Every structure is written in structure tokens, then in C-alpha cells.
PDB file of N, CA and C in Angstrom:
ATOM      1  N   UNK A   1      52.658   7.355 205.083  1.00  0.00           N
ATOM      2  CA  UNK A   1      53.936   6.714 204.859  1.00  0.00           C
ATOM      3  C   UNK A   1      54.146   5.540 205.828  1.00  0.00           C
ATOM      4  N   UNK A   2      53.712   5.724 207.087  1.00  0.00           N
ATOM      5  CA  UNK A   2      53.855   4.646 208.070  1.00  0.00           C
ATOM      6  C   UNK A   2      53.042   3.418 207.677  1.00  0.00           C
ATOM      7  N   UNK A   3      51.849   3.643 207.126  1.00  0.00           N
ATOM      8  CA  UNK A   3      51.021   2.497 206.737  1.00  0.00           C
ATOM      9  C   UNK A   3      51.669   1.728 205.584  1.00  0.00           C
ATOM     10  N   UNK A   4      52.319   2.421 204.678  1.00  0.00           N
ATOM     11  CA  UNK A   4      53.025   1.758 203.576  1.00  0.00           C
ATOM     12  C   UNK A   4      54.186   0.934 204.114  1.00  0.00           C
ATOM     13  N   UNK A   5      54.919   1.475 205.068  1.00  0.00           N
ATOM     14  CA  UNK A   5      56.038   0.744 205.673  1.00  0.00           C
ATOM     15  C   UNK A   5      55.530  -0.500 206.399  1.00  0.00           C
ATOM     16  N   UNK A   6      54.405  -0.377 207.096  1.00  0.00           N
ATOM     17  CA  UNK A   6      53.823  -1.515 207.798  1.00  0.00           C
ATOM     18  C   UNK A   6      53.384  -2.584 206.800  1.00  0.00           C
ATOM     19  N   UNK A   7      52.803  -2.162 205.688  1.00  0.00           N
ATOM     20  CA  UNK A   7      52.372  -3.107 204.663  1.00  0.00           C
ATOM     21  C   UNK A   7      53.574  -3.822 204.042  1.00  0.00           C
ATOM     22  N   UNK A   8      54.630  -3.086 203.774  1.00  0.00           N
ATOM     23  CA  UNK A   8      55.852  -3.686 203.228  1.00  0.00           C
ATOM     24  C   UNK A   8      56.433  -4.688 204.213  1.00  0.00           C
ATOM     25  N   UNK A   9      56.468  -4.326 205.488  1.00  0.00           N
ATOM     26  CA  UNK A   9      56.994  -5.234 206.514  1.00  0.00           C
ATOM     27  C   UNK A   9      56.161  -6.510 206.591  1.00  0.00           C
ATOM     28  N   UNK A  10      54.842  -6.389 206.509  1.00  0.00           N
ATOM     29  CA  UNK A  10      53.961  -7.565 206.555  1.00  0.00           C
ATOM     30  C   UNK A  10      54.196  -8.460 205.332  1.00  0.00           C
ATOM     31  N   UNK A  11      54.350  -7.864 204.169  1.00  0.00           N
ATOM     32  CA  UNK A  11      54.607  -8.643 202.954  1.00  0.00           C
ATOM     33  C   UNK A  11      55.961  -9.344 203.018  1.00  0.00           C
ATOM     34  N   UNK A  12      56.954  -8.668 203.557  1.00  0.00           N
ATOM     35  CA  UNK A  12      58.279  -9.282 203.706  1.00  0.00           C
ATOM     36  C   UNK A  12      58.224 -10.460 204.675  1.00  0.00           C
ATOM     37  N   UNK A  13      57.460 -10.328 205.754  1.00  0.00           N
ATOM     38  CA  UNK A  13      57.320 -11.413 206.724  1.00  0.00           C
ATOM     39  C   UNK A  13      56.634 -12.619 206.074  1.00  0.00           C
ATOM     40  N   UNK A  14      55.608 -12.373 205.270  1.00  0.00           N
ATOM     41  CA  UNK A  14      54.920 -13.466 204.585  1.00  0.00           C
ATOM     42  C   UNK A  14      55.838 -14.142 203.573  1.00  0.00           C
ATOM     43  N   UNK A  15      56.659 -13.357 202.882  1.00  0.00           N
ATOM     44  CA  UNK A  15      57.611 -13.918 201.935  1.00  0.00           C
ATOM     45  C   UNK A  15      58.615 -14.812 202.659  1.00  0.00           C
ATOM     46  N   UNK A  16      59.069 -14.370 203.818  1.00  0.00           N
ATOM     47  CA  UNK A  16      60.019 -15.159 204.605  1.00  0.00           C
ATOM     48  C   UNK A  16      59.389 -16.493 205.015  1.00  0.00           C
ATOM     49  N   UNK A  17      58.134 -16.456 205.448  1.00  0.00           N
ATOM     50  CA  UNK A  17      57.432 -17.687 205.834  1.00  0.00           C
ATOM     51  C   UNK A  17      57.337 -18.622 204.642  1.00  0.00           C
ATOM     52  N   UNK A  18      56.983 -18.100 203.463  1.00  0.00           N
ATOM     53  CA  UNK A  18      56.881 -18.943 202.261  1.00  0.00           C
ATOM     54  C   UNK A  18      58.222 -19.586 201.925  1.00  0.00           C
ATOM     55  N   UNK A  19      59.303 -18.838 202.094  1.00  0.00           N
ATOM     56  CA  UNK A  19      60.629 -19.357 201.775  1.00  0.00           C
ATOM     57  C   UNK A  19      61.054 -20.449 202.752  1.00  0.00           C
ATOM     58  N   UNK A  20      60.480 -20.461 203.938  1.00  0.00           N
ATOM     59  CA  UNK A  20      60.855 -21.421 204.973  1.00  0.00           C
ATOM     60  C   UNK A  20      59.842 -22.564 205.081  1.00  0.00           C
ATOM     61  N   UNK A  21      59.197 -22.903 203.967  1.00  0.00           N
ATOM     62  CA  UNK A  21      58.213 -23.991 203.981  1.00  0.00           C
ATOM     63  C   UNK A  21      58.707 -25.170 203.160  1.00  0.00           C
ATOM     64  N   UNK A  22      58.055 -26.291 203.383  1.00  0.00           N
ATOM     65  CA  UNK A  22      58.303 -27.508 202.611  1.00  0.00           C
ATOM     66  C   UNK A  22      56.933 -28.071 202.229  1.00  0.00           C
ATOM     67  N   UNK A  23      56.835 -28.649 201.049  1.00  0.00           N
ATOM     68  CA  UNK A  23      55.554 -29.189 200.597  1.00  0.00           C
ATOM     69  C   UNK A  23      55.467 -30.681 200.892  1.00  0.00           C
ATOM     70  N   UNK A  24      54.291 -31.101 201.340  1.00  0.00           N
ATOM     71  CA  UNK A  24      54.019 -32.507 201.608  1.00  0.00           C
ATOM     72  C   UNK A  24      52.575 -32.792 201.213  1.00  0.00           C
ATOM     73  N   UNK A  25      52.364 -33.708 200.299  1.00  0.00           N
ATOM     74  CA  UNK A  25      51.023 -34.081 199.812  1.00  0.00           C
ATOM     75  C   UNK A  25      50.200 -32.872 199.370  1.00  0.00           C
ATOM     76  N   UNK A  26      50.844 -31.913 198.741  1.00  0.00           N
ATOM     77  CA  UNK A  26      50.139 -30.754 198.203  1.00  0.00           C
ATOM     78  C   UNK A  26      49.905 -29.620 199.176  1.00  0.00           C
ATOM     79  N   UNK A  27      50.331 -29.767 200.418  1.00  0.00           N
ATOM     80  CA  UNK A  27      50.183 -28.710 201.422  1.00  0.00           C
ATOM     81  C   UNK A  27      51.554 -28.206 201.831  1.00  0.00           C
ATOM     82  N   UNK A  28      51.651 -26.935 202.148  1.00  0.00           N
ATOM     83  CA  UNK A  28      52.903 -26.365 202.627  1.00  0.00           C
ATOM     84  C   UNK A  28      52.923 -26.371 204.153  1.00  0.00           C
ATOM     85  N   UNK A  29      54.082 -26.720 204.686  1.00  0.00           N
ATOM     86  CA  UNK A  29      54.307 -26.802 206.127  1.00  0.00           C
ATOM     87  C   UNK A  29      55.552 -25.998 206.485  1.00  0.00           C
ATOM     88  N   UNK A  30      55.678 -25.684 207.753  1.00  0.00           N
ATOM     89  CA  UNK A  30      56.904 -25.090 208.253  1.00  0.00           C
ATOM     90  C   UNK A  30      58.028 -26.109 208.062  1.00  0.00           C
ATOM     91  N   UNK A  31      59.202 -25.619 207.692  1.00  0.00           N
ATOM     92  CA  UNK A  31      60.362 -26.490 207.499  1.00  0.00           C
ATOM     93  C   UNK A  31      61.119 -26.603 208.813  1.00  0.00           C
ATOM     94  N   UNK A  32      61.310 -27.834 209.293  1.00  0.00           N
ATOM     95  CA  UNK A  32      62.056 -28.076 210.515  1.00  0.00           C
ATOM     96  C   UNK A  32      63.554 -27.945 210.268  1.00  0.00           C
ATOM     97  N   UNK A  33      64.338 -28.025 211.329  1.00  0.00           N
ATOM     98  CA  UNK A  33      65.788 -27.915 211.216  1.00  0.00           C
ATOM     99  C   UNK A  33      66.385 -29.004 210.335  1.00  0.00           C
ATOM    100  N   UNK A  34      65.709 -30.155 210.280  1.00  0.00           N
ATOM    101  CA  UNK A  34      66.190 -31.253 209.446  1.00  0.00           C
ATOM    102  C   UNK A  34      65.650 -31.178 208.015  1.00  0.00           C
ATOM    103  N   UNK A  35      64.907 -30.118 207.699  1.00  0.00           N
ATOM    104  CA  UNK A  35      64.356 -29.928 206.357  1.00  0.00           C
ATOM    105  C   UNK A  35      63.022 -30.597 206.132  1.00  0.00           C
ATOM    106  N   UNK A  36      62.505 -31.301 207.144  1.00  0.00           N
ATOM    107  CA  UNK A  36      61.223 -31.997 207.014  1.00  0.00           C
ATOM    108  C   UNK A  36      60.076 -31.135 207.536  1.00  0.00           C
ATOM    109  N   UNK A  37      58.869 -31.507 207.148  1.00  0.00           N
ATOM    110  CA  UNK A  37      57.672 -30.769 207.565  1.00  0.00           C
ATOM    111  C   UNK A  37      57.425 -30.898 209.065  1.00  0.00           C
ATOM    112  N   UNK A  38      56.989 -29.807 209.687  1.00  0.00           N
ATOM    113  CA  UNK A  38      56.584 -29.808 211.096  1.00  0.00           C
ATOM    114  C   UNK A  38      55.307 -28.993 211.260  1.00  0.00           C
ATOM    115  N   UNK A  39      54.513 -29.354 212.258  1.00  0.00           N
ATOM    116  CA  UNK A  39      53.321 -28.592 212.614  1.00  0.00           C
ATOM    117  C   UNK A  39      52.124 -28.826 211.712  1.00  0.00           C
ATOM    118  N   UNK A  40      51.242 -27.844 211.704  1.00  0.00           N
ATOM    119  CA  UNK A  40      50.023 -27.875 210.904  1.00  0.00           C
ATOM    120  C   UNK A  40      50.305 -27.270 209.532  1.00  0.00           C
ATOM    121  N   UNK A  41      49.581 -27.694 208.490  1.00  0.00           N
ATOM    122  CA  UNK A  41      49.790 -27.109 207.166  1.00  0.00           C
ATOM    123  C   UNK A  41      49.227 -25.688 207.089  1.00  0.00           C
ATOM    124  N   UNK A  42      49.708 -24.953 206.106  1.00  0.00           N
ATOM    125  CA  UNK A  42      49.155 -23.632 205.816  1.00  0.00           C
ATOM    126  C   UNK A  42      47.955 -23.804 204.898  1.00  0.00           C
ATOM    127  N   UNK A  43      46.959 -22.965 205.067  1.00  0.00           N
ATOM    128  CA  UNK A  43      45.735 -23.028 204.267  1.00  0.00           C
ATOM    129  C   UNK A  43      46.039 -22.628 202.819  1.00  0.00           C
ATOM    130  N   UNK A  44      45.802 -23.524 201.853  1.00  0.00           N
ATOM    131  CA  UNK A  44      46.077 -23.177 200.455  1.00  0.00           C
ATOM    132  C   UNK A  44      45.149 -22.092 199.904  1.00  0.00           C
ATOM    133  N   UNK A  45      43.941 -21.998 200.421  1.00  0.00           N
ATOM    134  CA  UNK A  45      43.014 -20.950 199.968  1.00  0.00           C
ATOM    135  C   UNK A  45      43.563 -19.579 200.365  1.00  0.00           C
ATOM    136  N   UNK A  46      43.954 -19.442 201.618  1.00  0.00           N
ATOM    137  CA  UNK A  46      44.493 -18.162 202.088  1.00  0.00           C
ATOM    138  C   UNK A  46      45.832 -17.851 201.434  1.00  0.00           C
ATOM    139  N   UNK A  47      46.628 -18.888 201.218  1.00  0.00           N
ATOM    140  CA  UNK A  47      47.924 -18.680 200.562  1.00  0.00           C
ATOM    141  C   UNK A  47      47.731 -18.099 199.169  1.00  0.00           C
ATOM    142  N   UNK A  48      46.707 -18.565 198.453  1.00  0.00           N
ATOM    143  CA  UNK A  48      46.438 -18.041 197.116  1.00  0.00           C
ATOM    144  C   UNK A  48      46.037 -16.570 197.161  1.00  0.00           C
ATOM    145  N   UNK A  49      45.611 -16.103 198.332  1.00  0.00           N
ATOM    146  CA  UNK A  49      45.243 -14.695 198.528  1.00  0.00           C
ATOM    147  C   UNK A  49      46.373 -13.903 199.178  1.00  0.00           C
ATOM    148  N   UNK A  50      47.550 -14.532 199.314  1.00  0.00           N
ATOM    149  CA  UNK A  50      48.708 -13.832 199.859  1.00  0.00           C
ATOM    150  C   UNK A  50      48.843 -13.899 201.363  1.00  0.00           C
ATOM    151  N   UNK A  51      48.066 -14.744 202.035  1.00  0.00           N
ATOM    152  CA  UNK A  51      48.114 -14.871 203.499  1.00  0.00           C
ATOM    153  C   UNK A  51      48.638 -16.251 203.860  1.00  0.00           C
ATOM    154  N   UNK A  52      49.456 -16.321 204.890  1.00  0.00           N
ATOM    155  CA  UNK A  52      49.985 -17.607 205.353  1.00  0.00           C
ATOM    156  C   UNK A  52      49.341 -17.916 206.701  1.00  0.00           C
ATOM    157  N   UNK A  53      48.214 -18.629 206.660  1.00  0.00           N
ATOM    158  CA  UNK A  53      47.435 -18.967 207.843  1.00  0.00           C
ATOM    159  C   UNK A  53      47.479 -20.478 208.032  1.00  0.00           C
ATOM    160  N   UNK A  54      47.763 -20.918 209.250  1.00  0.00           N
ATOM    161  CA  UNK A  54      47.814 -22.354 209.524  1.00  0.00           C
ATOM    162  C   UNK A  54      46.413 -22.922 209.745  1.00  0.00           C
ATOM    163  N   UNK A  55      46.209 -24.125 209.239  1.00  0.00           N
ATOM    164  CA  UNK A  55      44.993 -24.886 209.512  1.00  0.00           C
ATOM    165  C   UNK A  55      45.008 -25.230 211.005  1.00  0.00           C
ATOM    166  N   UNK A  56      43.850 -25.274 211.624  1.00  0.00           N
ATOM    167  CA  UNK A  56      43.759 -25.552 213.068  1.00  0.00           C
ATOM    168  C   UNK A  56      42.607 -26.513 213.342  1.00  0.00           C
ATOM    169  N   UNK A  57      42.569 -27.050 214.559  1.00  0.00           N
ATOM    170  CA  UNK A  57      41.436 -27.866 214.985  1.00  0.00           C
ATOM    171  C   UNK A  57      40.329 -26.956 215.476  1.00  0.00           C
ATOM    172  N   UNK A  58      39.113 -27.234 215.040  1.00  0.00           N
ATOM    173  CA  UNK A  58      37.948 -26.502 215.521  1.00  0.00           C
ATOM    174  C   UNK A  58      36.760 -27.460 215.472  1.00  0.00           C
ATOM    175  N   UNK A  59      36.167 -27.732 216.611  1.00  0.00           N
ATOM    176  CA  UNK A  59      35.000 -28.627 216.672  1.00  0.00           C
ATOM    177  C   UNK A  59      35.288 -29.977 216.022  1.00  0.00           C
ATOM    178  N   UNK A  60      36.377 -30.571 216.340  1.00  0.00           N
ATOM    179  CA  UNK A  60      36.801 -31.894 215.869  1.00  0.00           C
ATOM    180  C   UNK A  60      37.081 -31.974 214.369  1.00  0.00           C
ATOM    181  N   UNK A  61      37.210 -30.845 213.689  1.00  0.00           N
ATOM    182  CA  UNK A  61      37.611 -30.873 212.292  1.00  0.00           C
ATOM    183  C   UNK A  61      38.766 -29.903 212.066  1.00  0.00           C
ATOM    184  N   UNK A  62      39.487 -30.122 211.003  1.00  0.00           N
ATOM    185  CA  UNK A  62      40.614 -29.255 210.684  1.00  0.00           C
ATOM    186  C   UNK A  62      40.131 -28.205 209.708  1.00  0.00           C
ATOM    187  N   UNK A  63      40.242 -26.943 210.110  1.00  0.00           N
ATOM    188  CA  UNK A  63      39.771 -25.873 209.247  1.00  0.00           C
ATOM    189  C   UNK A  63      40.643 -24.635 209.407  1.00  0.00           C
ATOM    190  N   UNK A  64      40.489 -23.712 208.476  1.00  0.00           N
ATOM    191  CA  UNK A  64      41.234 -22.461 208.515  1.00  0.00           C
ATOM    192  C   UNK A  64      40.481 -21.469 209.402  1.00  0.00           C
ATOM    193  N   UNK A  65      41.162 -20.869 210.372  1.00  0.00           N
ATOM    194  CA  UNK A  65      40.480 -19.902 211.233  1.00  0.00           C
ATOM    195  C   UNK A  65      40.108 -18.612 210.508  1.00  0.00           C
ATOM    196  N   UNK A  66      40.729 -18.346 209.360  1.00  0.00           N
ATOM    197  CA  UNK A  66      40.440 -17.118 208.620  1.00  0.00           C
ATOM    198  C   UNK A  66      39.298 -17.305 207.624  1.00  0.00           C
ATOM    199  N   UNK A  67      39.466 -18.267 206.681  1.00  0.00           N
ATOM    200  CA  UNK A  67      38.477 -18.408 205.603  1.00  0.00           C
ATOM    201  C   UNK A  67      37.451 -19.513 205.876  1.00  0.00           C
ATOM    202  N   UNK A  68      37.673 -20.301 206.942  1.00  0.00           N
ATOM    203  CA  UNK A  68      36.763 -21.371 207.365  1.00  0.00           C
ATOM    204  C   UNK A  68      36.730 -22.576 206.435  1.00  0.00           C
ATOM    205  N   UNK A  69      37.694 -22.676 205.500  1.00  0.00           N
ATOM    206  CA  UNK A  69      37.766 -23.862 204.642  1.00  0.00           C
ATOM    207  C   UNK A  69      38.054 -25.071 205.521  1.00  0.00           C
ATOM    208  N   UNK A  70      37.366 -26.180 205.245  1.00  0.00           N
ATOM    209  CA  UNK A  70      37.529 -27.406 206.026  1.00  0.00           C
ATOM    210  C   UNK A  70      38.410 -28.367 205.231  1.00  0.00           C
ATOM    211  N   UNK A  71      39.348 -28.995 205.940  1.00  0.00           N
ATOM    212  CA  UNK A  71      40.288 -29.915 205.311  1.00  0.00           C
ATOM    213  C   UNK A  71      40.193 -31.293 205.940  1.00  0.00           C
ATOM    214  N   UNK A  72      40.029 -32.283 205.097  1.00  0.00           N
ATOM    215  CA  UNK A  72      40.054 -33.683 205.510  1.00  0.00           C
ATOM    216  C   UNK A  72      41.441 -34.208 205.138  1.00  0.00           C
ATOM    217  N   UNK A  73      41.868 -35.241 205.776  1.00  0.00           N
ATOM    218  CA  UNK A  73      43.078 -35.941 205.362  1.00  0.00           C
ATOM    219  C   UNK A  73      44.341 -35.083 205.310  1.00  0.00           C
ATOM    220  N   UNK A  74      44.480 -34.074 206.163  1.00  0.00           N
ATOM    221  CA  UNK A  74      45.748 -33.344 206.209  1.00  0.00           C
ATOM    222  C   UNK A  74      46.607 -33.932 207.318  1.00  0.00           C
ATOM    223  N   UNK A  75      47.868 -34.063 207.055  1.00  0.00           N
ATOM    224  CA  UNK A  75      48.825 -34.628 207.998  1.00  0.00           C
ATOM    225  C   UNK A  75      49.283 -33.536 208.967  1.00  0.00           C
ATOM    226  N   UNK A  76      49.368 -33.886 210.249  1.00  0.00           N
ATOM    227  CA  UNK A  76      49.905 -32.993 211.267  1.00  0.00           C
ATOM    228  C   UNK A  76      51.216 -33.601 211.750  1.00  0.00           C
ATOM    229  N   UNK A  77      52.269 -32.813 211.730  1.00  0.00           N
ATOM    230  CA  UNK A  77      53.583 -33.283 212.138  1.00  0.00           C
ATOM    231  C   UNK A  77      53.968 -32.677 213.483  1.00  0.00           C
ATOM    232  N   UNK A  78      54.581 -33.482 214.315  1.00  0.00           N
ATOM    233  CA  UNK A  78      55.066 -32.994 215.607  1.00  0.00           C
ATOM    234  C   UNK A  78      56.350 -32.202 215.448  1.00  0.00           C
ATOM    235  N   UNK A  79      56.663 -31.428 216.464  1.00  0.00           N
ATOM    236  CA  UNK A  79      57.921 -30.692 216.497  1.00  0.00           C
ATOM    237  C   UNK A  79      58.964 -31.542 217.207  1.00  0.00           C
ATOM    238  N   UNK A  80      60.189 -31.574 216.702  1.00  0.00           N
ATOM    239  CA  UNK A  80      61.227 -32.376 217.365  1.00  0.00           C
ATOM    240  C   UNK A  80      61.516 -31.844 218.764  1.00  0.00           C
ATOM    241  N   UNK A  81      61.787 -32.751 219.668  1.00  0.00           N
ATOM    242  CA  UNK A  81      62.110 -32.373 221.047  1.00  0.00           C
ATOM    243  C   UNK A  81      63.612 -32.074 221.146  1.00  0.00           C
ATOM    244  N   UNK A  82      63.969 -31.001 221.863  1.00  0.00           N
ATOM    245  CA  UNK A  82      65.392 -30.654 221.975  1.00  0.00           C
ATOM    246  C   UNK A  82      66.163 -31.631 222.829  1.00  0.00           C
TER     247      UNK A  82
END
């Protein structure tokens, strides 16, 4: 029963992340307070599998740390300063 509750909690957290995203050039990003994209995009391959994993820098290229998909031409947005 505990494992089912943990799975439900993980799915709810992923749903919340999806609801708080904005799309830019075909990639989903975290939505900033002003409604614009911030940070690194989420990996579309992992998203199609139900996971919300951010693309990251690795060896001078942008790739997904989970599925290792490599992305060219993805925009990285800064976070607003308080």
C-alpha cells in the first residue's frame, strides 16, 4: 500500500510540474512568475514516457541525463533576479 501511495505522489508531482510549464520553440520550460520561460527545457523524449527531466550540459553539449538524448539549438533562459 505504501508503494502505491508513493507512486501516486510521484505522479501528482509530475502533473504539477507539467501544469507549471510554458512552451517555447517546441520545448517545455518552467514558467516564471511573469509567465515566461525560465531555465533549461524539459526533455521531450522523457516527457513522452511520463518523466519530467531537464536537459543539462554534459561535455559541452546539451543532453538529457536520463535518456542521453542530445539536443542542438535549445534555448536556455536565465532566472529573474529578486
